[in-house]
């Protein structure tokens, strides 16, 4: 996604190098470029840039229905379609968001 486009919650995007798609759950505080597989993502309704498709998953790839976060910027994305690429923001790989532990019911 180009830097001149403001990222906001609810924005849908897709990868140019694999089948991964996602939705921004929480916008980033600060500037940076959202990528997947090392290539900038595009808005879901736009034609992706020409790029060499990934043929092998990067460290497991993007997983369907999983949330990924960048703790430095606060960016959170939800993967709506799985793919080979990994999401990154401002050069930092997004990490899989861990579920919060429920309180014990002793």
N, C-alpha and C. Protein backbone atom coordinates (compact mmCIF):
# COMPACT_ATOMS: atom_id res chain seq x y z
N UNK A 1 0.85 -1.16 0.00
CA UNK A 1 0.00 0.00 0.00
C UNK A 1 0.90 1.22 0.00
N UNK A 2 0.67 2.12 -0.91
CA UNK A 2 1.54 3.29 -1.04
C UNK A 2 1.49 4.15 0.20
N UNK A 3 2.60 4.79 0.48
CA UNK A 3 2.72 5.61 1.67
C UNK A 3 1.77 6.80 1.65
N UNK A 4 1.37 7.28 0.45
CA UNK A 4 0.50 8.44 0.40
C UNK A 4 -0.96 8.09 0.71
N UNK A 5 -1.29 6.81 0.77
CA UNK A 5 -2.63 6.37 1.13
C UNK A 5 -2.70 6.23 2.64
N UNK A 6 -3.67 6.87 3.26
CA UNK A 6 -3.84 6.75 4.70
C UNK A 6 -4.46 5.40 5.02
N UNK A 7 -3.83 4.68 5.89
CA UNK A 7 -4.34 3.40 6.32
C UNK A 7 -5.36 3.64 7.43
N UNK A 8 -6.53 2.99 7.33
CA UNK A 8 -7.52 3.14 8.38
C UNK A 8 -8.22 1.81 8.62
N UNK A 9 -8.82 1.68 9.78
CA UNK A 9 -9.51 0.44 10.15
C UNK A 9 -10.59 0.14 9.13
N UNK A 10 -10.70 -1.14 8.76
CA UNK A 10 -11.68 -1.59 7.79
C UNK A 10 -11.17 -1.65 6.37
N UNK A 11 -9.99 -1.11 6.11
CA UNK A 11 -9.42 -1.09 4.77
C UNK A 11 -9.03 -2.51 4.36
N UNK A 12 -9.50 -2.95 3.20
CA UNK A 12 -9.18 -4.28 2.68
C UNK A 12 -8.02 -4.18 1.70
N UNK A 13 -7.13 -5.17 1.74
CA UNK A 13 -5.97 -5.17 0.86
C UNK A 13 -5.67 -6.58 0.37
N UNK A 14 -4.82 -6.66 -0.67
CA UNK A 14 -4.39 -7.96 -1.20
C UNK A 14 -2.93 -7.90 -1.58
N UNK A 15 -2.33 -9.07 -1.60
CA UNK A 15 -0.92 -9.21 -1.93
C UNK A 15 -0.72 -9.25 -3.44
N UNK A 16 0.44 -8.79 -3.88
CA UNK A 16 0.79 -8.85 -5.31
C UNK A 16 1.57 -10.11 -5.63
N UNK A 17 2.05 -10.86 -4.61
CA UNK A 17 2.92 -12.00 -4.86
C UNK A 17 2.31 -13.35 -4.46
N UNK A 18 1.14 -13.33 -3.83
CA UNK A 18 0.48 -14.58 -3.44
C UNK A 18 -1.02 -14.32 -3.27
N UNK A 19 -1.73 -15.29 -2.80
CA UNK A 19 -3.19 -15.17 -2.67
C UNK A 19 -3.64 -14.49 -1.38
N UNK A 20 -2.72 -14.05 -0.53
CA UNK A 20 -3.07 -13.47 0.77
C UNK A 20 -3.88 -12.18 0.61
N UNK A 21 -4.88 -12.05 1.47
CA UNK A 21 -5.69 -10.85 1.57
C UNK A 21 -5.93 -10.56 3.04
N UNK A 22 -6.24 -9.32 3.35
CA UNK A 22 -6.46 -8.98 4.74
C UNK A 22 -7.28 -7.72 4.92
N UNK A 23 -7.56 -7.43 6.19
CA UNK A 23 -8.32 -6.25 6.59
C UNK A 23 -7.56 -5.58 7.73
N UNK A 24 -7.44 -4.27 7.67
CA UNK A 24 -6.81 -3.52 8.75
C UNK A 24 -7.81 -3.44 9.91
N UNK A 25 -7.43 -3.98 11.06
CA UNK A 25 -8.27 -3.95 12.25
C UNK A 25 -7.98 -2.69 13.06
N UNK A 26 -6.70 -2.36 13.18
CA UNK A 26 -6.27 -1.15 13.90
C UNK A 26 -5.18 -0.50 13.06
N UNK A 27 -5.38 0.77 12.75
CA UNK A 27 -4.42 1.50 11.92
C UNK A 27 -3.12 1.75 12.66
N UNK A 28 -2.06 1.89 11.89
CA UNK A 28 -0.73 2.16 12.45
C UNK A 28 -0.63 3.60 12.90
N UNK A 29 0.10 3.81 13.99
CA UNK A 29 0.43 5.15 14.43
C UNK A 29 1.81 5.45 13.89
N UNK A 30 1.88 6.23 12.88
CA UNK A 30 3.15 6.52 12.22
C UNK A 30 3.10 6.08 10.77
N UNK A 31 4.17 6.39 10.07
CA UNK A 31 4.23 6.09 8.65
C UNK A 31 5.00 4.81 8.38
N UNK A 32 4.66 4.17 7.29
CA UNK A 32 5.34 2.97 6.86
C UNK A 32 4.56 2.32 5.74
N UNK A 33 5.15 1.32 5.14
CA UNK A 33 4.51 0.63 4.04
C UNK A 33 4.15 -0.79 4.46
N UNK A 34 2.92 -1.19 4.20
CA UNK A 34 2.45 -2.54 4.48
C UNK A 34 2.82 -3.41 3.30
N UNK A 35 3.51 -4.51 3.58
CA UNK A 35 3.94 -5.42 2.52
C UNK A 35 3.50 -6.84 2.83
N UNK A 36 3.53 -7.66 1.81
CA UNK A 36 3.31 -9.10 1.95
C UNK A 36 4.29 -9.78 1.01
N UNK A 37 5.11 -10.66 1.55
CA UNK A 37 6.11 -11.33 0.74
C UNK A 37 7.17 -10.39 0.20
N UNK A 38 7.37 -9.25 0.87
CA UNK A 38 8.39 -8.30 0.46
C UNK A 38 7.95 -7.29 -0.58
N UNK A 39 6.68 -7.35 -1.00
CA UNK A 39 6.15 -6.44 -2.01
C UNK A 39 4.95 -5.69 -1.44
N UNK A 40 4.83 -4.42 -1.76
CA UNK A 40 3.73 -3.60 -1.25
C UNK A 40 2.38 -4.21 -1.61
N UNK A 41 1.45 -4.17 -0.66
CA UNK A 41 0.09 -4.64 -0.92
C UNK A 41 -0.68 -3.53 -1.61
N UNK A 42 -1.82 -3.88 -2.24
CA UNK A 42 -2.69 -2.91 -2.87
C UNK A 42 -4.08 -3.01 -2.27
N UNK A 43 -4.86 -1.97 -2.46
CA UNK A 43 -6.24 -2.02 -2.01
C UNK A 43 -6.95 -3.15 -2.73
N UNK A 44 -7.92 -3.76 -2.08
CA UNK A 44 -8.58 -4.95 -2.61
C UNK A 44 -9.26 -4.71 -3.96
N UNK A 45 -9.72 -3.48 -4.21
CA UNK A 45 -10.42 -3.21 -5.47
C UNK A 45 -9.50 -2.69 -6.58
N UNK A 46 -8.19 -2.69 -6.34
CA UNK A 46 -7.23 -2.22 -7.33
C UNK A 46 -6.42 -3.37 -7.90
N UNK A 47 -5.87 -3.17 -9.07
CA UNK A 47 -5.01 -4.15 -9.72
C UNK A 47 -3.65 -4.13 -9.01
N UNK A 48 -3.15 -5.31 -8.55
CA UNK A 48 -1.85 -5.33 -7.88
C UNK A 48 -0.71 -5.01 -8.86
N UNK A 49 0.40 -4.57 -8.30
CA UNK A 49 1.58 -4.29 -9.12
C UNK A 49 2.14 -5.59 -9.67
N UNK A 50 2.87 -5.49 -10.78
CA UNK A 50 3.51 -6.68 -11.34
C UNK A 50 4.65 -7.09 -10.43
N UNK A 51 4.64 -8.35 -10.01
CA UNK A 51 5.69 -8.86 -9.14
C UNK A 51 5.82 -10.36 -9.38
N UNK A 52 6.98 -10.89 -9.08
CA UNK A 52 7.21 -12.33 -9.22
C UNK A 52 6.47 -13.07 -8.10
N UNK A 53 5.57 -13.98 -8.46
CA UNK A 53 4.81 -14.70 -7.43
C UNK A 53 5.70 -15.60 -6.58
N UNK A 54 5.34 -15.73 -5.32
CA UNK A 54 6.05 -16.65 -4.42
C UNK A 54 5.63 -18.07 -4.76
N UNK A 55 6.58 -18.99 -4.75
CA UNK A 55 6.26 -20.39 -5.02
C UNK A 55 6.38 -21.25 -3.77
N UNK A 56 7.01 -20.71 -2.74
CA UNK A 56 7.19 -21.42 -1.48
C UNK A 56 6.75 -20.48 -0.35
N UNK A 57 6.06 -21.04 0.63
CA UNK A 57 5.59 -20.24 1.76
C UNK A 57 6.76 -19.72 2.58
N UNK A 58 6.68 -18.47 3.00
CA UNK A 58 7.68 -17.87 3.87
C UNK A 58 7.32 -18.21 5.31
N UNK A 59 8.08 -19.05 5.94
CA UNK A 59 7.89 -19.38 7.36
C UNK A 59 6.42 -19.67 7.69
N UNK A 60 5.75 -20.44 6.86
CA UNK A 60 4.35 -20.81 7.09
C UNK A 60 3.35 -19.93 6.39
N UNK A 61 3.75 -18.74 5.98
CA UNK A 61 2.85 -17.84 5.26
C UNK A 61 1.80 -17.21 6.15
N UNK A 62 0.87 -16.50 5.52
CA UNK A 62 -0.24 -15.85 6.22
C UNK A 62 -1.35 -16.87 6.42
N UNK A 63 -1.84 -16.97 7.62
CA UNK A 63 -2.85 -17.97 7.97
C UNK A 63 -4.24 -17.36 8.05
N UNK A 64 -5.21 -18.05 7.49
CA UNK A 64 -6.59 -17.59 7.46
C UNK A 64 -7.14 -17.35 8.86
N UNK A 65 -7.84 -16.24 9.03
CA UNK A 65 -8.54 -15.87 10.27
C UNK A 65 -7.61 -15.61 11.45
N UNK A 66 -6.35 -15.35 11.19
CA UNK A 66 -5.40 -15.02 12.25
C UNK A 66 -5.12 -13.53 12.22
N UNK A 67 -4.87 -12.97 13.39
CA UNK A 67 -4.54 -11.55 13.50
C UNK A 67 -3.03 -11.40 13.64
N UNK A 68 -2.51 -10.41 12.94
CA UNK A 68 -1.08 -10.12 12.97
C UNK A 68 -0.89 -8.69 13.45
N UNK A 69 0.12 -8.46 14.28
CA UNK A 69 0.34 -7.14 14.87
C UNK A 69 1.79 -6.68 14.71
N UNK A 70 1.93 -5.35 14.71
CA UNK A 70 3.23 -4.71 14.78
C UNK A 70 3.20 -3.90 16.07
N UNK A 71 3.91 -4.37 17.09
CA UNK A 71 3.84 -3.73 18.40
C UNK A 71 4.40 -2.31 18.40
N UNK A 72 5.34 -2.00 17.50
CA UNK A 72 5.94 -0.66 17.46
C UNK A 72 4.94 0.40 16.99
N UNK A 73 4.11 0.06 16.00
CA UNK A 73 3.18 1.04 15.43
C UNK A 73 1.74 0.85 15.89
N UNK A 74 1.42 -0.31 16.45
CA UNK A 74 0.05 -0.60 16.85
C UNK A 74 -0.79 -1.18 15.73
N UNK A 75 -0.21 -1.37 14.54
CA UNK A 75 -0.96 -1.92 13.41
C UNK A 75 -1.42 -3.33 13.72
N UNK A 76 -2.68 -3.62 13.37
CA UNK A 76 -3.22 -4.96 13.52
C UNK A 76 -4.01 -5.28 12.27
N UNK A 77 -3.71 -6.44 11.67
CA UNK A 77 -4.43 -6.87 10.47
C UNK A 77 -5.00 -8.27 10.69
N UNK A 78 -6.12 -8.52 10.04
CA UNK A 78 -6.76 -9.83 10.06
C UNK A 78 -6.61 -10.45 8.69
N UNK A 79 -6.08 -11.65 8.63
CA UNK A 79 -5.89 -12.34 7.35
C UNK A 79 -7.24 -12.92 6.92
N UNK A 80 -7.77 -12.46 5.79
CA UNK A 80 -9.06 -12.92 5.31
C UNK A 80 -8.92 -13.98 4.21
N UNK A 81 -7.72 -14.16 3.69
CA UNK A 81 -7.45 -15.20 2.71
C UNK A 81 -5.98 -15.59 2.86
N UNK A 82 -5.73 -16.87 3.07
CA UNK A 82 -4.37 -17.36 3.31
C UNK A 82 -3.49 -17.20 2.07
N UNK A 83 -2.18 -17.13 2.32
CA UNK A 83 -1.23 -17.01 1.23
C UNK A 83 0.17 -17.40 1.67
N UNK A 84 1.10 -17.43 0.72
CA UNK A 84 2.48 -17.82 0.98
C UNK A 84 3.29 -16.73 1.67
N UNK A 85 2.94 -15.47 1.47
CA UNK A 85 3.73 -14.36 1.99
C UNK A 85 3.46 -14.04 3.44
N UNK A 86 4.40 -13.32 4.05
CA UNK A 86 4.25 -12.83 5.41
C UNK A 86 4.01 -11.33 5.37
N UNK A 87 3.16 -10.84 6.25
CA UNK A 87 2.88 -9.41 6.33
C UNK A 87 4.00 -8.70 7.09
N UNK A 88 4.31 -7.49 6.64
CA UNK A 88 5.32 -6.67 7.31
C UNK A 88 4.89 -5.21 7.19
N UNK A 89 5.36 -4.40 8.14
CA UNK A 89 5.07 -2.97 8.12
C UNK A 89 6.36 -2.24 8.45
N UNK A 90 6.72 -1.29 7.62
CA UNK A 90 7.93 -0.48 7.80
C UNK A 90 9.17 -1.37 7.96
N UNK A 91 9.20 -2.48 7.22
CA UNK A 91 10.34 -3.39 7.26
C UNK A 91 10.34 -4.38 8.41
N UNK A 92 9.34 -4.31 9.30
CA UNK A 92 9.26 -5.22 10.44
C UNK A 92 8.18 -6.27 10.17
N UNK A 93 8.53 -7.51 10.33
CA UNK A 93 7.56 -8.59 10.12
C UNK A 93 6.49 -8.54 11.21
N UNK A 94 5.23 -8.65 10.81
CA UNK A 94 4.14 -8.68 11.78
C UNK A 94 4.16 -10.03 12.48
N UNK A 95 3.79 -10.02 13.75
CA UNK A 95 3.78 -11.26 14.53
C UNK A 95 2.35 -11.71 14.76
N UNK A 96 2.19 -13.00 14.92
CA UNK A 96 0.89 -13.59 15.19
C UNK A 96 0.42 -13.13 16.55
N UNK A 97 -0.80 -12.59 16.61
CA UNK A 97 -1.33 -12.09 17.88
C UNK A 97 -1.75 -13.28 18.73
N UNK A 98 -1.31 -13.28 19.97
CA UNK A 98 -1.63 -14.36 20.89
C UNK A 98 -2.95 -14.09 21.59
N UNK A 99 -3.72 -15.14 21.81
CA UNK A 99 -4.99 -15.01 22.53
C UNK A 99 -4.71 -14.68 23.99
N UNK A 100 -5.58 -13.88 24.58
CA UNK A 100 -5.43 -13.56 26.00
C UNK A 100 -5.89 -14.75 26.83
N UNK A 101 -5.15 -15.01 27.88
CA UNK A 101 -5.49 -16.12 28.77
C UNK A 101 -6.77 -15.80 29.55
N UNK A 102 -7.65 -16.76 29.63
CA UNK A 102 -8.87 -16.59 30.41
C UNK A 102 -8.57 -16.80 31.88
N UNK A 103 -9.32 -16.14 32.76
CA UNK A 103 -9.08 -16.35 34.18
C UNK A 103 -9.45 -17.78 34.60
N UNK A 104 -8.74 -18.27 35.59
CA UNK A 104 -9.01 -19.62 36.09
C UNK A 104 -10.38 -19.65 36.75
N UNK A 105 -11.07 -20.77 36.64
CA UNK A 105 -12.40 -20.89 37.25
C UNK A 105 -12.38 -22.00 38.29
N UNK A 106 -11.56 -21.80 39.29
CA UNK A 106 -11.41 -22.82 40.35
C UNK A 106 -12.58 -22.80 41.30
